[in-house]
């Protein structure tokens, strides 16, 4: 539902916890100097901001960062925060979303934490392919959040107001909106400075990582991955472990568990089928390693996500 900025507070009330984690609220603001939001107790939900233009400043606890075009900044719940137009900037245009983060996102967020639950992703130059897709994903998130579940979903035309906000009330709208936000997290994590494969990463290790990420459920082995990059299995395993900090099979198991978590969150496949689709031959083994990784069996994990 498009709204105007008239009557909207520029500073949250001191006790305002923001939207509850069960809601998905998404919007796009283009704010002028003086705009600021401060929550001394933090928010109950996660806050994702992606800057389109201008400059912003975000502070969480004792950690602070600037935000320019293309930067995704994420604030975890429960810590005092403040954000607004950066001093000296003429405006700050940004997409934002309040929601409960899917548990599987923790692996993508973790490497980008600056401290106090503040995460920063700084992708490549504006105007490149990822930026276009990220903008499109946010537009789709806004449209999906407005969908009532009947008729044709709204189109993804950019909002024509300086302020546009939508709340995803229904389960379908919420899950569609979270799916669009997951695409944003993936795209920014995959192109962010500090995680983008660089010259210090052997291209053969990088290729193996790409093969695992593209299809974690495939029957990968040390030998099959080594064959793909023209190395002996022993040389490949040594190189992969030295450069990535974990063995190829540990990396594969983590990718499979993340894939399984996404399937549990977004499909109604049985636990046995999720295990098979994620590359686990034994449902018993899958249940054990999933519980070790996420602290709860797959069925309980899905129930918690659906009820959360």
Protein backbone atom coordinates (compact mmCIF):
# COMPACT_ATOMS: atom_id res chain seq x y z
CA UNK A 1 0.00 0.00 0.00
CA UNK A 2 1.74 3.24 -1.08
CA UNK A 3 1.79 5.94 1.57
CA UNK A 4 3.23 9.41 1.78
CA UNK A 5 5.75 10.64 4.27
CA UNK A 6 3.22 13.01 5.83
CA UNK A 7 2.69 12.17 9.46
CA UNK A 8 5.38 9.49 9.64
CA UNK A 9 7.68 9.95 12.65
CA UNK A 10 11.33 10.45 11.77
CA UNK A 11 12.44 9.10 15.13
CA UNK A 12 10.92 6.00 16.68
CA UNK A 13 9.54 6.26 20.17
CA UNK A 14 12.03 5.17 22.80
CA UNK A 15 10.13 1.97 23.53
CA UNK A 16 9.22 1.12 19.93
CA UNK A 17 10.53 -2.40 19.22
CA UNK A 18 9.71 -2.23 15.52
CA UNK A 19 7.53 -4.84 13.79
CA UNK A 20 7.27 -8.27 15.46
CA UNK A 21 9.40 -11.04 13.92
CA UNK A 22 6.34 -12.89 12.63
CA UNK A 23 5.52 -10.10 10.20
CA UNK A 24 7.30 -9.24 6.97
CA UNK A 25 7.29 -5.50 6.36
CA UNK A 26 9.06 -4.06 3.32
CA UNK A 27 9.44 -0.55 2.01
CA UNK A 28 11.47 1.96 0.08
CA UNK A 29 12.34 5.39 1.44
CA UNK A 30 14.06 8.40 -0.07
CA UNK A 31 14.81 10.53 2.96
CA UNK A 32 16.26 14.02 3.36
CA UNK A 33 18.80 15.32 5.92
CA UNK A 34 17.46 15.08 9.44
CA UNK A 35 15.81 11.70 9.02
CA UNK A 36 16.80 9.28 11.77
CA UNK A 37 15.37 6.30 13.64
CA UNK A 38 16.62 5.35 17.08
CA UNK A 39 15.62 2.30 19.11
CA UNK A 40 17.40 2.17 22.48
CA UNK A 41 16.27 -1.42 22.98
CA UNK A 42 16.78 -2.51 19.40
CA UNK A 43 14.10 -4.22 17.34
CA UNK A 44 12.30 -7.49 17.88
CA UNK A 45 12.90 -8.44 14.24
CA UNK A 46 15.84 -8.34 11.85
CA UNK A 47 16.30 -5.20 9.75
CA UNK A 48 17.72 -5.42 6.20
CA UNK A 49 18.63 -2.19 4.37
CA UNK A 50 19.92 -1.91 0.81
CA UNK A 51 21.04 1.51 -0.36
CA UNK A 52 19.95 2.73 -3.79
CA UNK A 53 21.43 6.23 -3.67
CA UNK A 54 22.77 8.88 -1.34
CA UNK A 55 24.39 7.93 1.95
CA UNK A 56 23.19 6.52 5.24
CA UNK A 57 24.74 5.74 8.60
CA UNK A 58 23.76 2.76 10.74
CA UNK A 59 24.89 2.06 14.30
CA UNK A 60 24.24 -1.12 16.29
CA UNK A 61 25.55 -1.21 19.83
CA UNK A 62 29.08 0.20 19.55
CA UNK A 63 29.53 -0.72 15.87
CA UNK A 64 28.85 1.83 13.13
CA UNK A 65 29.01 1.77 9.34
CA UNK A 66 28.25 4.03 6.44
CA UNK A 67 26.05 2.82 3.60
CA UNK A 68 26.37 3.83 -0.05
CA UNK A 69 24.82 2.61 -3.27
CA UNK A 70 24.83 -1.19 -3.41
CA UNK A 71 25.56 -1.79 0.29
CA UNK A 72 23.38 -4.23 2.21
CA UNK A 73 23.48 -3.62 5.96
CA UNK A 74 21.71 -6.02 8.31
CA UNK A 75 20.90 -5.38 11.98
CA UNK A 76 20.14 -8.34 14.24
CA UNK A 77 17.35 -7.99 16.82
CA UNK A 78 17.80 -7.12 20.46
CA UNK A 79 20.61 -4.52 20.32
CA UNK A 80 20.25 -0.75 20.54
CA UNK A 81 20.49 0.82 17.10
CA UNK A 82 20.22 4.07 15.24
CA UNK A 83 20.17 4.82 11.51
CA UNK A 84 19.55 7.81 9.31
CA UNK A 85 20.84 10.09 6.58
CA UNK A 86 24.59 10.47 6.85
CA UNK A 87 25.80 13.88 8.00
CA UNK A 88 26.62 15.99 4.95
CA UNK A 89 24.62 13.79 2.53
CA UNK A 90 21.74 15.36 0.61
CA UNK A 91 19.52 12.27 0.87
CA UNK A 92 19.41 8.53 1.53
CA UNK A 93 17.35 6.31 -0.74
CA UNK A 94 17.08 2.72 0.42
CA UNK A 95 15.01 -0.43 0.49
CA UNK A 96 14.35 -1.96 3.89
CA UNK A 97 12.68 -5.04 5.33
CA UNK A 98 11.78 -6.04 8.88
CA UNK A 99 11.26 -9.78 9.34
CA UNK A 100 12.42 -12.91 11.08
CA UNK A 101 15.52 -14.21 9.30
CA UNK A 102 15.41 -17.78 8.02
CA UNK A 103 17.85 -19.96 10.04
CA UNK A 104 19.65 -21.07 6.89
CA UNK A 105 20.75 -17.46 6.29
CA UNK A 106 23.12 -17.55 9.26
CA UNK A 107 25.85 -19.20 7.18
CA UNK A 108 25.66 -16.38 4.62
CA UNK A 109 25.44 -13.58 7.18
CA UNK A 110 28.10 -14.81 9.59
CA UNK A 111 31.27 -13.94 7.61
CA UNK A 112 30.08 -10.33 7.23
CA UNK A 113 29.51 -9.43 10.88
CA UNK A 114 31.33 -6.26 11.96
CA UNK A 115 30.32 -6.65 15.60
CA UNK A 116 27.26 -6.28 17.87
CA UNK A 117 25.02 -8.02 15.35
CA UNK A 118 25.72 -5.59 12.50
CA UNK A 119 26.45 -7.21 9.11
CA UNK A 120 27.78 -5.37 6.05
CA UNK A 121 27.84 -6.58 2.43
CA UNK A 122 29.58 -4.31 -0.07
CA UNK A 123 29.10 -5.73 -3.59
CA UNK A 124 30.68 -4.58 -6.83
CA UNK A 125 30.00 -1.35 -8.74
CA UNK A 126 26.43 -0.14 -9.12
CA UNK A 127 24.80 -0.89 -12.43
CA UNK A 128 26.27 -4.36 -12.85
CA UNK A 129 24.20 -7.52 -13.14
CA UNK A 130 23.78 -8.29 -9.41
CA UNK A 131 22.55 -4.78 -8.66
CA UNK A 132 19.87 -5.04 -11.32
CA UNK A 133 18.69 -8.36 -9.90
CA UNK A 134 18.78 -7.10 -6.31
CA UNK A 135 16.64 -4.10 -7.24
CA UNK A 136 14.23 -6.42 -9.07
CA UNK A 137 14.08 -8.76 -6.05
CA UNK A 138 13.12 -5.91 -3.73
CA UNK A 139 10.45 -4.73 -6.16
CA UNK A 140 9.09 -8.26 -6.29
CA UNK A 141 9.20 -8.46 -2.50
CA UNK A 142 7.11 -5.29 -2.26
CA UNK A 143 4.61 -6.62 -4.81
CA UNK A 144 4.43 -10.07 -3.19
CA UNK A 145 3.84 -8.57 0.25
CA UNK A 146 0.77 -6.77 -1.15
CA UNK A 147 -0.74 -9.90 -2.68
CA UNK A 148 -3.92 -11.15 -1.01
CA UNK A 149 -3.66 -14.61 -2.54
CA UNK A 150 -6.49 -14.07 -4.98
CA UNK A 151 -6.38 -12.82 -8.53
CA UNK A 152 -3.18 -11.93 -10.33
CA UNK A 153 -0.22 -10.94 -8.16
CA UNK A 154 0.66 -7.23 -8.44
CA UNK A 155 3.30 -6.27 -10.97
CA UNK A 156 6.79 -5.25 -9.87
CA UNK A 157 6.81 -1.69 -11.19
CA UNK A 158 8.99 0.59 -9.03
CA UNK A 159 7.09 2.65 -6.45
CA UNK A 160 6.31 6.15 -7.67
CA UNK A 161 6.17 7.67 -4.18
CA UNK A 162 9.07 8.84 -2.07
CA UNK A 163 7.81 6.39 0.56
CA UNK A 164 6.21 2.98 -0.17
CA UNK A 165 5.45 0.34 2.46
CA UNK A 166 3.70 -3.06 2.43
CA UNK A 167 2.98 -5.64 5.12
CA UNK A 168 2.73 -9.32 4.17
CA UNK A 169 -0.20 -10.55 6.25
CA UNK A 170 -0.95 -13.91 4.63
CA UNK A 171 1.26 -16.98 4.76
CA UNK A 172 1.64 -17.09 0.97
CA UNK A 173 2.56 -13.42 0.72
CA UNK A 174 5.00 -13.76 3.61
CA UNK A 175 6.80 -16.78 2.14
CA UNK A 176 6.98 -15.21 -1.32
CA UNK A 177 8.40 -12.01 0.18
CA UNK A 178 10.97 -13.96 2.21
CA UNK A 179 11.95 -15.85 -0.93
CA UNK A 180 12.70 -12.56 -2.67
CA UNK A 181 14.71 -11.36 0.33
CA UNK A 182 16.65 -14.64 0.33
CA UNK A 183 17.65 -13.88 -3.25
CA UNK A 184 18.93 -10.48 -2.09
CA UNK A 185 21.01 -12.08 0.66
CA UNK A 186 22.44 -14.66 -1.75
CA UNK A 187 23.29 -12.11 -4.42
CA UNK A 188 24.95 -9.71 -2.02
CA UNK A 189 26.84 -12.47 -0.20
CA UNK A 190 28.05 -13.90 -3.49
CA UNK A 191 29.41 -10.58 -4.75
CA UNK A 192 30.48 -8.92 -1.51
CA UNK A 193 34.04 -7.68 -1.09
CA UNK A 194 35.94 -10.01 1.19
CA UNK A 195 34.10 -13.14 0.07
CA UNK A 196 34.34 -12.85 -3.68
CA UNK A 197 36.93 -15.33 -4.91
CA UNK A 198 40.15 -13.47 -5.54
CA UNK A 199 43.61 -14.09 -6.84
CA UNK A 200 44.63 -15.71 -3.55
CA UNK A 201 42.13 -18.53 -4.09
CA UNK A 202 43.31 -21.24 -6.42
CA UNK A 203 40.90 -21.37 -9.38
CA UNK A 204 40.67 -25.14 -9.02
CA UNK A 205 39.44 -24.79 -5.44
CA UNK A 206 37.06 -22.05 -6.55
CA UNK A 207 35.70 -24.32 -9.30
CA UNK A 208 35.10 -27.15 -6.84
CA UNK A 209 33.29 -24.79 -4.48
CA UNK A 210 31.08 -23.64 -7.35
CA UNK A 211 30.24 -27.24 -8.27
CA UNK A 212 29.23 -28.01 -4.69
CA UNK A 213 27.15 -24.84 -4.34
CA UNK A 214 25.40 -25.35 -7.67
CA UNK A 215 24.15 -28.85 -6.84
CA UNK A 216 24.88 -30.00 -3.29
CA UNK A 217 22.62 -33.02 -3.71
CA UNK A 218 24.72 -34.47 -6.53
CA UNK A 219 26.85 -37.56 -5.74
CA UNK A 220 30.07 -35.59 -5.33
CA UNK A 221 33.14 -37.36 -4.01
CA UNK A 222 36.72 -36.24 -3.49
CA UNK A 223 37.64 -38.16 -6.64
CA UNK A 224 34.83 -36.73 -8.80
CA UNK A 225 35.65 -33.17 -7.73
CA UNK A 226 39.36 -33.78 -8.24
CA UNK A 227 38.67 -35.10 -11.74
CA UNK A 228 36.70 -31.94 -12.56
CA UNK A 229 39.74 -29.78 -11.77
CA UNK A 230 42.40 -32.15 -13.15
CA UNK A 231 44.10 -32.97 -9.85
CA UNK A 232 44.80 -36.21 -8.06
CA UNK A 233 42.39 -36.83 -5.15
CA UNK A 234 45.14 -36.44 -2.54
CA UNK A 235 46.50 -33.22 -4.05
CA UNK A 236 43.00 -31.80 -4.45
CA UNK A 237 41.97 -32.63 -0.88
CA UNK A 238 45.14 -31.07 0.51
CA UNK A 239 44.78 -27.89 -1.58
CA UNK A 240 41.06 -27.50 -0.84
CA UNK A 241 41.55 -27.96 2.91
CA UNK A 242 44.51 -25.58 3.09
CA UNK A 243 42.71 -22.80 1.22
CA UNK A 244 39.18 -23.14 2.57
CA UNK A 245 39.91 -24.27 6.12
CA UNK A 246 37.88 -27.46 5.84
CA UNK A 247 37.96 -30.67 3.86
CA UNK A 248 35.95 -31.07 0.64
CA UNK A 249 33.58 -33.52 2.32
CA UNK A 250 32.96 -31.20 5.28
CA UNK A 251 32.22 -28.39 2.86
CA UNK A 252 29.87 -30.68 0.94
CA UNK A 253 28.04 -31.77 4.09
CA UNK A 254 27.53 -28.15 5.15
CA UNK A 255 26.17 -27.25 1.70
CA UNK A 256 23.83 -30.23 1.83
CA UNK A 257 22.55 -29.29 5.28
CA UNK A 258 21.89 -25.71 4.17
CA UNK A 259 20.07 -27.01 1.10
CA UNK A 260 18.00 -29.33 3.27
CA UNK A 261 17.10 -26.46 5.60
CA UNK A 262 15.85 -24.41 2.65
CA UNK A 263 13.75 -27.33 1.41
CA UNK A 264 12.22 -27.81 4.86
CA UNK A 265 11.43 -24.09 5.03
CA UNK A 266 9.91 -23.70 1.58
CA UNK A 267 8.44 -27.06 0.47
CA UNK A 268 6.11 -29.75 1.81
CA UNK A 269 8.44 -32.59 0.83
CA UNK A 270 8.65 -35.33 3.45
CA UNK A 271 11.78 -35.46 5.57
CA UNK A 272 12.84 -38.61 3.70
CA UNK A 273 12.54 -36.84 0.34
CA UNK A 274 14.36 -33.79 1.65
CA UNK A 275 17.19 -36.09 2.75
CA UNK A 276 17.37 -37.74 -0.67
CA UNK A 277 17.17 -34.44 -2.56
CA UNK A 278 20.00 -33.07 -0.44
CA UNK A 279 22.33 -36.00 -1.12
CA UNK A 280 21.85 -38.02 2.08
CA UNK A 281 21.43 -41.73 1.32
CA UNK A 282 20.21 -42.58 4.82
CA UNK A 283 17.31 -40.70 6.48
CA UNK A 284 18.65 -41.85 9.87
CA UNK A 285 22.06 -40.31 9.15
CA UNK A 286 20.38 -37.15 7.83
CA UNK A 287 18.33 -36.76 11.02
CA UNK A 288 21.44 -37.13 13.17
CA UNK A 289 23.69 -34.68 11.32
CA UNK A 290 20.86 -32.18 10.87
CA UNK A 291 20.17 -32.21 14.61
CA UNK A 292 23.89 -31.77 15.31
CA UNK A 293 24.03 -28.76 12.95
CA UNK A 294 20.76 -26.96 13.81
CA UNK A 295 20.06 -28.23 17.32
CA UNK A 296 16.72 -29.83 16.42
CA UNK A 297 15.49 -32.70 14.22
CA UNK A 298 14.30 -31.82 10.69
CA UNK A 299 10.61 -32.25 11.48
CA UNK A 300 10.81 -30.01 14.55
CA UNK A 301 12.86 -27.47 12.57
CA UNK A 302 10.12 -27.24 9.91
CA UNK A 303 7.40 -26.90 12.57
CA UNK A 304 9.30 -24.09 14.29
CA UNK A 305 9.71 -22.21 10.99
CA UNK A 306 6.03 -22.58 10.07
CA UNK A 307 4.85 -21.55 13.53
CA UNK A 308 7.35 -18.72 13.86
